[in-house]
Every structure is written in structure tokens, then in C-alpha cells.
Amino acid sequence: RVLPESNSDVDQLKKALDSVDLEAIQTSDDTYQSDNVENYLTSS
């Protein structure tokens, strides 16, 4: 379903997208992903 601009969830999503720090994410991608994969695979 396509959400209209007036939808409250769209407002929250826009705020979340605008607050993304691309530089911080790019520098932490490799460590973040590998750690979470290992944690998931070894969890119960």
C-alpha cells in the first residue's frame, strides 16, 4: 500500500531518514555486521 503524505507513520519515517548519519554508518558497517552475524548464529 502506498501511504499518503498525511499519514502519521510517514512523518515518523521522514524524521528517521533525515536523522541518519551516513558517515558514521559507513565507518562502522563491517564491524557491526560481522559481530551481529556471529551473535545470531551462536544464540539459542
ModelCIF file with pLDDT and N, C-alpha, C, O atoms, coordinates in Angstrom:
data_MODEL
#
_entry.id   MODEL 
#
_entity.id                         1 
_entity.type                       polymer 
_entity.pdbx_number_of_molecules   1 
#
_entity_poly.entity_id                      1 
_entity_poly.type                           'polypeptide(L)' 
_entity_poly.nstd_linkage                   no 
_entity_poly.nstd_monomer                   no 
_entity_poly.pdbx_seq_one_letter_code       RVLPESNSDVDQLKKALDSVDLEAIQTSDDTYQSDNVENYLTSS 
_entity_poly.pdbx_seq_one_letter_code_can   RVLPESNSDVDQLKKALDSVDLEAIQTSDDTYQSDNVENYLTSS 
_entity_poly.pdbx_strand_id                 A 
#
loop_
_entity_poly_seq.entity_id 
_entity_poly_seq.num 
_entity_poly_seq.mon_id 
_entity_poly_seq.hetero 
1 1  ARG n 
1 2  VAL n 
1 3  LEU n 
1 4  PRO n 
1 5  GLU n 
1 6  SER n 
1 7  ASN n 
1 8  SER n 
1 9  ASP n 
1 10 VAL n 
1 11 ASP n 
1 12 GLN n 
1 13 LEU n 
1 14 LYS n 
1 15 LYS n 
1 16 ALA n 
1 17 LEU n 
1 18 ASP n 
1 19 SER n 
1 20 VAL n 
1 21 ASP n 
1 22 LEU n 
1 23 GLU n 
1 24 ALA n 
1 25 ILE n 
1 26 GLN n 
1 27 THR n 
1 28 SER n 
1 29 ASP n 
1 30 ASP n 
1 31 THR n 
1 32 TYR n 
1 33 GLN n 
1 34 SER n 
1 35 ASP n 
1 36 ASN n 
1 37 VAL n 
1 38 GLU n 
1 39 ASN n 
1 40 TYR n 
1 41 LEU n 
1 42 THR n 
1 43 SER n 
1 44 SER n 
#
_struct_asym.id          A 
_struct_asym.entity_id   1 
#
loop_
_ma_qa_metric.id 
_ma_qa_metric.mode 
_ma_qa_metric.name 
_ma_qa_metric.software_group_id 
_ma_qa_metric.type 
1 global pLDDT . pLDDT 
2 local  pLDDT . pLDDT 
#
_ma_qa_metric_global.metric_id      1 
_ma_qa_metric_global.metric_value   69.16 
_ma_qa_metric_global.model_id       1 
_ma_qa_metric_global.ordinal_id     1 
#
loop_
_ma_qa_metric_local.label_asym_id 
_ma_qa_metric_local.label_comp_id 
_ma_qa_metric_local.label_seq_id 
_ma_qa_metric_local.metric_id 
_ma_qa_metric_local.metric_value 
_ma_qa_metric_local.model_id 
_ma_qa_metric_local.ordinal_id 
A ARG 1  2 92.00 1 1  
A VAL 2  2 93.00 1 2  
A LEU 3  2 92.00 1 3  
A PRO 4  2 90.00 1 4  
A GLU 5  2 87.00 1 5  
A SER 6  2 88.00 1 6  
A ASN 7  2 89.00 1 7  
A SER 8  2 87.00 1 8  
A ASP 9  2 89.00 1 9  
A VAL 10 2 92.00 1 10 
A ASP 11 2 92.00 1 11 
A GLN 12 2 91.00 1 12 
A LEU 13 2 93.00 1 13 
A LYS 14 2 93.00 1 14 
A LYS 15 2 92.00 1 15 
A ALA 16 2 91.00 1 16 
A LEU 17 2 92.00 1 17 
A ASP 18 2 90.00 1 18 
A SER 19 2 89.00 1 19 
A VAL 20 2 86.00 1 20 
A ASP 21 2 79.00 1 21 
A LEU 22 2 74.00 1 22 
A GLU 23 2 71.00 1 23 
A ALA 24 2 66.00 1 24 
A ILE 25 2 64.00 1 25 
A GLN 26 2 61.00 1 26 
A THR 27 2 57.00 1 27 
A SER 28 2 56.00 1 28 
A ASP 29 2 54.00 1 29 
A ASP 30 2 50.00 1 30 
A THR 31 2 48.00 1 31 
A TYR 32 2 46.00 1 32 
A GLN 33 2 46.00 1 33 
A SER 34 2 44.00 1 34 
A ASP 35 2 45.00 1 35 
A ASN 36 2 47.00 1 36 
A VAL 37 2 43.00 1 37 
A GLU 38 2 43.00 1 38 
A ASN 39 2 43.00 1 39 
A TYR 40 2 42.00 1 40 
A LEU 41 2 41.00 1 41 
A THR 42 2 39.00 1 42 
A SER 43 2 40.00 1 43 
A SER 44 2 36.00 1 44 
#
loop_
_atom_site.group_PDB 
_atom_site.id 
_atom_site.type_symbol 
_atom_site.label_atom_id 
_atom_site.label_alt_id 
_atom_site.label_comp_id 
_atom_site.label_asym_id 
_atom_site.label_entity_id 
_atom_site.label_seq_id 
_atom_site.pdbx_PDB_ins_code 
_atom_site.Cartn_x 
_atom_site.Cartn_y 
_atom_site.Cartn_z 
_atom_site.occupancy 
_atom_site.B_iso_or_equiv 
_atom_site.pdbx_formal_charge 
_atom_site.auth_seq_id 
_atom_site.auth_comp_id 
_atom_site.auth_asym_id 
_atom_site.auth_atom_id 
_atom_site.pdbx_PDB_model_num 
ATOM 1   N N  . ARG A 1 1  ? 0.844  -1.196  0.000  1.00 92.00 ? 1  ARG A N  1 
ATOM 2   C CA . ARG A 1 1  ? 0.000  0.000   0.000  1.00 92.00 ? 1  ARG A CA 1 
ATOM 3   C C  . ARG A 1 1  ? 0.878  1.243   0.000  1.00 92.00 ? 1  ARG A C  1 
ATOM 4   O O  . ARG A 1 1  ? 1.848  1.327   0.752  1.00 92.00 ? 1  ARG A O  1 
ATOM 5   N N  . VAL A 1 2  ? 0.534  2.199   -0.842 1.00 93.00 ? 2  VAL A N  1 
ATOM 6   C CA . VAL A 1 2  ? 1.237  3.486   -0.860 1.00 93.00 ? 2  VAL A CA 1 
ATOM 7   C C  . VAL A 1 2  ? 0.619  4.376   0.218  1.00 93.00 ? 2  VAL A C  1 
ATOM 8   O O  . VAL A 1 2  ? -0.592 4.596   0.233  1.00 93.00 ? 2  VAL A O  1 
ATOM 9   N N  . LEU A 1 3  ? 1.462  4.885   1.120  1.00 92.00 ? 3  LEU A N  1 
ATOM 10  C CA . LEU A 1 3  ? 0.978  5.725   2.212  1.00 92.00 ? 3  LEU A CA 1 
ATOM 11  C C  . LEU A 1 3  ? 0.935  7.184   1.773  1.00 92.00 ? 3  LEU A C  1 
ATOM 12  O O  . LEU A 1 3  ? 1.874  7.661   1.137  1.00 92.00 ? 3  LEU A O  1 
ATOM 13  N N  . PRO A 1 4  ? -0.126 7.892   2.097  1.00 90.00 ? 4  PRO A N  1 
ATOM 14  C CA . PRO A 1 4  ? -0.194 9.321   1.755  1.00 90.00 ? 4  PRO A CA 1 
ATOM 15  C C  . PRO A 1 4  ? 0.740  10.148  2.637  1.00 90.00 ? 4  PRO A C  1 
ATOM 16  O O  . PRO A 1 4  ? 1.132  9.717   3.722  1.00 90.00 ? 4  PRO A O  1 
ATOM 17  N N  . GLU A 1 5  ? 1.081  11.319  2.166  1.00 87.00 ? 5  GLU A N  1 
ATOM 18  C CA . GLU A 1 5  ? 1.993  12.194  2.916  1.00 87.00 ? 5  GLU A CA 1 
ATOM 19  C C  . GLU A 1 5  ? 1.429  12.562  4.280  1.00 87.00 ? 5  GLU A C  1 
ATOM 20  O O  . GLU A 1 5  ? 2.184  12.831  5.215  1.00 87.00 ? 5  GLU A O  1 
ATOM 21  N N  . SER A 1 6  ? 0.087  12.574  4.401  1.00 88.00 ? 6  SER A N  1 
ATOM 22  C CA . SER A 1 6  ? -0.551 12.969  5.661  1.00 88.00 ? 6  SER A CA 1 
ATOM 23  C C  . SER A 1 6  ? -0.519 11.877  6.721  1.00 88.00 ? 6  SER A C  1 
ATOM 24  O O  . SER A 1 6  ? -0.884 12.129  7.870  1.00 88.00 ? 6  SER A O  1 
ATOM 25  N N  . ASN A 1 7  ? -0.092 10.674  6.363  1.00 89.00 ? 7  ASN A N  1 
ATOM 26  C CA . ASN A 1 7  ? -0.062 9.569   7.314  1.00 89.00 ? 7  ASN A CA 1 
ATOM 27  C C  . ASN A 1 7  ? 0.967  9.838   8.403  1.00 89.00 ? 7  ASN A C  1 
ATOM 28  O O  . ASN A 1 7  ? 2.081  10.280  8.121  1.00 89.00 ? 7  ASN A O  1 
ATOM 29  N N  . SER A 1 8  ? 0.585  9.567   9.657  1.00 87.00 ? 8  SER A N  1 
ATOM 30  C CA . SER A 1 8  ? 1.477  9.848   10.787 1.00 87.00 ? 8  SER A CA 1 
ATOM 31  C C  . SER A 1 8  ? 2.737  8.986   10.737 1.00 87.00 ? 8  SER A C  1 
ATOM 32  O O  . SER A 1 8  ? 3.804  9.429   11.163 1.00 87.00 ? 8  SER A O  1 
ATOM 33  N N  . ASP A 1 9  ? 2.626  7.750   10.218 1.00 89.00 ? 9  ASP A N  1 
ATOM 34  C CA . ASP A 1 9  ? 3.809  6.889   10.111 1.00 89.00 ? 9  ASP A CA 1 
ATOM 35  C C  . ASP A 1 9  ? 4.802  7.434   9.095  1.00 89.00 ? 9  ASP A C  1 
ATOM 36  O O  . ASP A 1 9  ? 6.009  7.231   9.234  1.00 89.00 ? 9  ASP A O  1 
ATOM 37  N N  . VAL A 1 10 ? 4.300  8.127   8.073  1.00 92.00 ? 10 VAL A N  1 
ATOM 38  C CA . VAL A 1 10 ? 5.186  8.743   7.089  1.00 92.00 ? 10 VAL A CA 1 
ATOM 39  C C  . VAL A 1 10 ? 5.986  9.861   7.735  1.00 92.00 ? 10 VAL A C  1 
ATOM 40  O O  . VAL A 1 10 ? 7.176  10.013  7.461  1.00 92.00 ? 10 VAL A O  1 
ATOM 41  N N  . ASP A 1 11 ? 5.338  10.651  8.596  1.00 92.00 ? 11 ASP A N  1 
ATOM 42  C CA . ASP A 1 11 ? 6.047  11.722  9.301  1.00 92.00 ? 11 ASP A CA 1 
ATOM 43  C C  . ASP A 1 11 ? 7.183  11.151  10.156 1.00 92.00 ? 11 ASP A C  1 
ATOM 44  O O  . ASP A 1 11 ? 8.292  11.685  10.152 1.00 92.00 ? 11 ASP A O  1 
ATOM 45  N N  . GLN A 1 12 ? 6.909  10.081  10.879 1.00 91.00 ? 12 GLN A N  1 
ATOM 46  C CA . GLN A 1 12 ? 7.945  9.461   11.710 1.00 91.00 ? 12 GLN A CA 1 
ATOM 47  C C  . GLN A 1 12 ? 9.069  8.894   10.856 1.00 91.00 ? 12 GLN A C  1 
ATOM 48  O O  . GLN A 1 12 ? 10.244 8.999   11.208 1.00 91.00 ? 12 GLN A O  1 
ATOM 49  N N  . LEU A 1 13 ? 8.695  8.284   9.716  1.00 93.00 ? 13 LEU A N  1 
ATOM 50  C CA . LEU A 1 13 ? 9.712  7.706   8.842  1.00 93.00 ? 13 LEU A CA 1 
ATOM 51  C C  . LEU A 1 13 ? 10.603 8.798   8.253  1.00 93.00 ? 13 LEU A C  1 
ATOM 52  O O  . LEU A 1 13 ? 11.819 8.623   8.170  1.00 93.00 ? 13 LEU A O  1 
ATOM 53  N N  . LYS A 1 14 ? 10.013 9.921   7.845  1.00 93.00 ? 14 LYS A N  1 
ATOM 54  C CA . LYS A 1 14 ? 10.805 11.027  7.305  1.00 93.00 ? 14 LYS A CA 1 
ATOM 55  C C  . LYS A 1 14 ? 11.809 11.531  8.331  1.00 93.00 ? 14 LYS A C  1 
ATOM 56  O O  . LYS A 1 14 ? 12.962 11.797  7.991  1.00 93.00 ? 14 LYS A O  1 
ATOM 57  N N  . LYS A 1 15 ? 11.386 11.664  9.574  1.00 92.00 ? 15 LYS A N  1 
ATOM 58  C CA . LYS A 1 15 ? 12.300 12.116  10.626 1.00 92.00 ? 15 LYS A CA 1 
ATOM 59  C C  . LYS A 1 15 ? 13.445 11.126  10.819 1.00 92.00 ? 15 LYS A C  1 
ATOM 60  O O  . LYS A 1 15 ? 14.594 11.523  11.012 1.00 92.00 ? 15 LYS A O  1 
ATOM 61  N N  . ALA A 1 16 ? 13.121 9.832   10.764 1.00 91.00 ? 16 ALA A N  1 
ATOM 62  C CA . ALA A 1 16 ? 14.160 8.810   10.924 1.00 91.00 ? 16 ALA A CA 1 
ATOM 63  C C  . ALA A 1 16 ? 15.153 8.855   9.769  1.00 91.00 ? 16 ALA A C  1 
ATOM 64  O O  . ALA A 1 16 ? 16.355 8.694   9.977  1.00 91.00 ? 16 ALA A O  1 
ATOM 65  N N  . LEU A 1 17 ? 14.657 9.073   8.552  1.00 92.00 ? 17 LEU A N  1 
ATOM 66  C CA . LEU A 1 17 ? 15.539 9.123   7.387  1.00 92.00 ? 17 LEU A CA 1 
ATOM 67  C C  . LEU A 1 17 ? 16.423 10.368  7.418  1.00 92.00 ? 17 LEU A C  1 
ATOM 68  O O  . LEU A 1 17 ? 17.598 10.311  7.057  1.00 92.00 ? 17 LEU A O  1 
ATOM 69  N N  . ASP A 1 18 ? 15.848 11.497  7.853  1.00 90.00 ? 18 ASP A N  1 
ATOM 70  C CA . ASP A 1 18 ? 16.615 12.748  7.906  1.00 90.00 ? 18 ASP A CA 1 
ATOM 71  C C  . ASP A 1 18 ? 17.702 12.718  8.976  1.00 90.00 ? 18 ASP A C  1 
ATOM 72  O O  . ASP A 1 18 ? 18.699 13.431  8.868  1.00 90.00 ? 18 ASP A O  1 
ATOM 73  N N  . SER A 1 19 ? 17.514 11.900  10.002 1.00 89.00 ? 19 SER A N  1 
ATOM 74  C CA . SER A 1 19 ? 18.479 11.872  11.115 1.00 89.00 ? 19 SER A CA 1 
ATOM 75  C C  . SER A 1 19 ? 19.603 10.864  10.905 1.00 89.00 ? 19 SER A C  1 
ATOM 76  O O  . SER A 1 19 ? 20.470 10.716  11.766 1.00 89.00 ? 19 SER A O  1 
ATOM 77  N N  . VAL A 1 20 ? 19.595 10.167  9.764  1.00 86.00 ? 20 VAL A N  1 
ATOM 78  C CA . VAL A 1 20 ? 20.624 9.152   9.510  1.00 86.00 ? 20 VAL A CA 1 
ATOM 79  C C  . VAL A 1 20 ? 21.983 9.836   9.301  1.00 86.00 ? 20 VAL A C  1 
ATOM 80  O O  . VAL A 1 20 ? 22.099 10.781  8.521  1.00 86.00 ? 20 VAL A O  1 
ATOM 81  N N  . ASP A 1 21 ? 23.005 9.345   10.008 1.00 79.00 ? 21 ASP A N  1 
ATOM 82  C CA . ASP A 1 21 ? 24.378 9.833   9.871  1.00 79.00 ? 21 ASP A CA 1 
ATOM 83  C C  . ASP A 1 21 ? 25.124 8.852   8.956  1.00 79.00 ? 21 ASP A C  1 
ATOM 84  O O  . ASP A 1 21 ? 25.604 7.815   9.414  1.00 79.00 ? 21 ASP A O  1 
ATOM 85  N N  . LEU A 1 22 ? 25.219 9.184   7.669  1.00 74.00 ? 22 LEU A N  1 
ATOM 86  C CA . LEU A 1 22 ? 25.802 8.264   6.692  1.00 74.00 ? 22 LEU A CA 1 
ATOM 87  C C  . LEU A 1 22 ? 27.266 7.978   6.977  1.00 74.00 ? 22 LEU A C  1 
ATOM 88  O O  . LEU A 1 22 ? 27.713 6.840   6.835  1.00 74.00 ? 22 LEU A O  1 
ATOM 89  N N  . GLU A 1 23 ? 28.028 9.007   7.381  1.00 71.00 ? 23 GLU A N  1 
ATOM 90  C CA . GLU A 1 23 ? 29.469 8.805   7.633  1.00 71.00 ? 23 GLU A CA 1 
ATOM 91  C C  . GLU A 1 23 ? 29.691 7.835   8.765  1.00 71.00 ? 23 GLU A C  1 
ATOM 92  O O  . GLU A 1 23 ? 30.545 6.953   8.669  1.00 71.00 ? 23 GLU A O  1 
ATOM 93  N N  . ALA A 1 24 ? 28.939 7.982   9.837  1.00 66.00 ? 24 ALA A N  1 
ATOM 94  C CA . ALA A 1 24 ? 29.104 7.093   10.982 1.00 66.00 ? 24 ALA A CA 1 
ATOM 95  C C  . ALA A 1 24 ? 28.732 5.651   10.621 1.00 66.00 ? 24 ALA A C  1 
ATOM 96  O O  . ALA A 1 24 ? 29.361 4.698   11.082 1.00 66.00 ? 24 ALA A O  1 
ATOM 97  N N  . ILE A 1 25 ? 27.704 5.513   9.792  1.00 64.00 ? 25 ILE A N  1 
ATOM 98  C CA . ILE A 1 25 ? 27.269 4.172   9.404  1.00 64.00 ? 25 ILE A CA 1 
ATOM 99  C C  . ILE A 1 25 ? 28.296 3.506   8.499  1.00 64.00 ? 25 ILE A C  1 
ATOM 100 O O  . ILE A 1 25 ? 28.575 2.316   8.648  1.00 64.00 ? 25 ILE A O  1 
ATOM 101 N N  . GLN A 1 26 ? 28.858 4.258   7.568  1.00 61.00 ? 26 GLN A N  1 
ATOM 102 C CA . GLN A 1 26 ? 29.818 3.690   6.633  1.00 61.00 ? 26 GLN A CA 1 
ATOM 103 C C  . GLN A 1 26 ? 31.077 3.201   7.331  1.00 61.00 ? 26 GLN A C  1 
ATOM 104 O O  . GLN A 1 26 ? 31.646 2.180   6.946  1.00 61.00 ? 26 GLN A O  1 
ATOM 105 N N  . THR A 1 27 ? 31.517 3.928   8.362  1.00 57.00 ? 27 THR A N  1 
ATOM 106 C CA . THR A 1 27 ? 32.741 3.528   9.062  1.00 57.00 ? 27 THR A CA 1 
ATOM 107 C C  . THR A 1 27 ? 32.529 2.341   9.990  1.00 57.00 ? 27 THR A C  1 
ATOM 108 O O  . THR A 1 27 ? 33.481 1.640   10.334 1.00 57.00 ? 27 THR A O  1 
ATOM 109 N N  . SER A 1 28 ? 31.288 2.113   10.393 1.00 56.00 ? 28 SER A N  1 
ATOM 110 C CA . SER A 1 28 ? 31.030 1.024   11.349 1.00 56.00 ? 28 SER A CA 1 
ATOM 111 C C  . SER A 1 28 ? 30.367 -0.184  10.726 1.00 56.00 ? 28 SER A C  1 
ATOM 112 O O  . SER A 1 28 ? 30.086 -1.159  11.423 1.00 56.00 ? 28 SER A O  1 
ATOM 113 N N  . ASP A 1 29 ? 30.107 -0.143  9.415  1.00 54.00 ? 29 ASP A N  1 
ATOM 114 C CA . ASP A 1 29 ? 29.356 -1.216  8.763  1.00 54.00 ? 29 ASP A CA 1 
ATOM 115 C C  . ASP A 1 29 ? 29.989 -2.579  8.946  1.00 54.00 ? 29 ASP A C  1 
ATOM 116 O O  . ASP A 1 29 ? 29.314 -3.520  9.365  1.00 54.00 ? 29 ASP A O  1 
ATOM 117 N N  . ASP A 1 30 ? 31.279 -2.707  8.637  1.00 50.00 ? 30 ASP A N  1 
ATOM 118 C CA . ASP A 1 30 ? 31.914 -4.025  8.634  1.00 50.00 ? 30 ASP A CA 1 
ATOM 119 C C  . ASP A 1 30 ? 31.895 -4.657  10.010 1.00 50.00 ? 30 ASP A C  1 
ATOM 120 O O  . ASP A 1 30 ? 31.510 -5.817  10.154 1.00 50.00 ? 30 ASP A O  1 
ATOM 121 N N  . THR A 1 31 ? 32.311 -3.901  11.035 1.00 48.00 ? 31 THR A N  1 
ATOM 122 C CA . THR A 1 31 ? 32.352 -4.443  12.384 1.00 48.00 ? 31 THR A CA 1 
ATOM 123 C C  . THR A 1 31 ? 30.963 -4.793  12.881 1.00 48.00 ? 31 THR A C  1 
ATOM 124 O O  . THR A 1 31 ? 30.755 -5.845  13.486 1.00 48.00 ? 31 THR A O  1 
ATOM 125 N N  . TYR A 1 32 ? 30.010 -3.903  12.622 1.00 46.00 ? 32 TYR A N  1 
ATOM 126 C CA . TYR A 1 32 ? 28.635 -4.102  13.089 1.00 46.00 ? 32 TYR A CA 1 
ATOM 127 C C  . TYR A 1 32 ? 28.021 -5.366  12.502 1.00 46.00 ? 32 TYR A C  1 
ATOM 128 O O  . TYR A 1 32 ? 27.417 -6.164  13.219 1.00 46.00 ? 32 TYR A O  1 
ATOM 129 N N  . GLN A 1 33 ? 28.183 -5.546  11.175 1.00 46.00 ? 33 GLN A N  1 
ATOM 130 C CA . GLN A 1 33 ? 27.548 -6.676  10.524 1.00 46.00 ? 33 GLN A CA 1 
ATOM 131 C C  . GLN A 1 33 ? 28.169 -7.997  10.954 1.00 46.00 ? 33 GLN A C  1 
ATOM 132 O O  . GLN A 1 33 ? 27.440 -8.943  11.253 1.00 46.00 ? 33 GLN A O  1 
ATOM 133 N N  . SER A 1 34 ? 29.485 -8.087  10.994 1.00 44.00 ? 34 SER A N  1 
ATOM 134 C CA . SER A 1 34 ? 30.118 -9.359  11.326 1.00 44.00 ? 34 SER A CA 1 
ATOM 135 C C  . SER A 1 34 ? 29.829 -9.763  12.760 1.00 44.00 ? 34 SER A C  1 
ATOM 136 O O  . SER A 1 34 ? 29.617 -10.945 13.031 1.00 44.00 ? 34 SER A O  1 
ATOM 137 N N  . ASP A 1 35 ? 29.814 -8.802  13.694 1.00 45.00 ? 35 ASP A N  1 
ATOM 138 C CA . ASP A 1 35 ? 29.518 -9.119  15.087 1.00 45.00 ? 35 ASP A CA 1 
ATOM 139 C C  . ASP A 1 35 ? 28.104 -9.658  15.251 1.00 45.00 ? 35 ASP A C  1 
ATOM 140 O O  . ASP A 1 35 ? 27.882 -10.618 15.990 1.00 45.00 ? 35 ASP A O  1 
ATOM 141 N N  . ASN A 1 36 ? 27.144 -9.039  14.558 1.00 47.00 ? 36 ASN A N  1 
ATOM 142 C CA . ASN A 1 36 ? 25.761 -9.459  14.702 1.00 47.00 ? 36 ASN A CA 1 
ATOM 143 C C  . ASN A 1 36 ? 25.495 -10.803 14.064 1.00 47.00 ? 36 ASN A C  1 
ATOM 144 O O  . ASN A 1 36 ? 24.671 -11.573 14.556 1.00 47.00 ? 36 ASN A O  1 
ATOM 145 N N  . VAL A 1 37 ? 26.192 -11.097 12.961 1.00 43.00 ? 37 VAL A N  1 
ATOM 146 C CA . VAL A 1 37 ? 26.049 -12.417 12.347 1.00 43.00 ? 37 VAL A CA 1 
ATOM 147 C C  . VAL A 1 37 ? 26.511 -13.482 13.312 1.00 43.00 ? 37 VAL A C  1 
ATOM 148 O O  . VAL A 1 37 ? 25.831 -14.489 13.506 1.00 43.00 ? 37 VAL A O  1 
ATOM 149 N N  . GLU A 1 38 ? 27.675 -13.263 13.924 1.00 43.00 ? 38 GLU A N  1 
ATOM 150 C CA . GLU A 1 38 ? 28.217 -14.256 14.848 1.00 43.00 ? 38 GLU A CA 1 
ATOM 151 C C  . GLU A 1 38 ? 27.296 -14.434 16.055 1.00 43.00 ? 38 GLU A C  1 
ATOM 152 O O  . GLU A 1 38 ? 27.050 -15.556 16.498 1.00 43.00 ? 38 GLU A O  1 
ATOM 153 N N  . ASN A 1 39 ? 26.789 -13.311 16.583 1.00 43.00 ? 39 ASN A N  1 
ATOM 154 C CA . ASN A 1 39 ? 25.906 -13.398 17.739 1.00 43.00 ? 39 ASN A CA 1 
ATOM 155 C C  . ASN A 1 39 ? 24.641 -14.170 17.412 1.00 43.00 ? 39 ASN A C  1 
ATOM 156 O O  . ASN A 1 39 ? 24.153 -14.954 18.226 1.00 43.00 ? 39 ASN A O  1 
ATOM 157 N N  . TYR A 1 40 ? 24.111 -13.944 16.215 1.00 42.00 ? 40 TYR A N  1 
ATOM 158 C CA . TYR A 1 40 ? 22.871 -14.632 15.849 1.00 42.00 ? 40 TYR A CA 1 
ATOM 159 C C  . TYR A 1 40 ? 23.088 -16.133 15.688 1.00 42.00 ? 40 TYR A C  1 
ATOM 160 O O  . TYR A 1 40 ? 22.303 -16.942 16.183 1.00 42.00 ? 40 TYR A O  1 
ATOM 161 N N  . LEU A 1 41 ? 24.160 -16.491 14.990 1.00 41.00 ? 41 LEU A N  1 
ATOM 162 C CA . LEU A 1 41 ? 24.389 -17.903 14.695 1.00 41.00 ? 41 LEU A CA 1 
ATOM 163 C C  . LEU A 1 41 ? 24.710 -18.713 15.934 1.00 41.00 ? 41 LEU A C  1 
ATOM 164 O O  . LEU A 1 41 ? 24.428 -19.911 15.971 1.00 41.00 ? 41 LEU A O  1 
ATOM 165 N N  . THR A 1 42 ? 25.294 -18.089 16.953 1.00 39.00 ? 42 THR A N  1 
ATOM 166 C CA . THR A 1 42 ? 25.670 -18.818 18.160 1.00 39.00 ? 42 THR A CA 1 
ATOM 167 C C  . THR A 1 42 ? 24.615 -18.722 19.247 1.00 39.00 ? 42 THR A C  1 
ATOM 168 O O  . THR A 1 42 ? 24.760 -19.333 20.307 1.00 39.00 ? 42 THR A O  1 
ATOM 169 N N  . SER A 1 43 ? 23.546 -17.959 18.998 1.00 40.00 ? 43 SER A N  1 
ATOM 170 C CA . SER A 1 43 ? 22.494 -17.836 20.001 1.00 40.00 ? 43 SER A CA 1 
ATOM 171 C C  . SER A 1 43 ? 21.592 -19.061 19.964 1.00 40.00 ? 43 SER A C  1 
ATOM 172 O O  . SER A 1 43 ? 21.612 -19.824 18.998 1.00 40.00 ? 43 SER A O  1 
ATOM 173 N N  . SER A 1 44 ? 20.808 -19.246 21.008 1.00 36.00 ? 44 SER A N  1 
ATOM 174 C CA . SER A 1 44 ? 19.899 -20.388 21.077 1.00 36.00 ? 44 SER A CA 1 
ATOM 175 C C  . SER A 1 44 ? 18.766 -20.223 20.102 1.00 36.00 ? 44 SER A C  1 
ATOM 176 O O  . SER A 1 44 ? 17.896 -21.089 20.015 1.00 36.00 ? 44 SER A O  1 
#
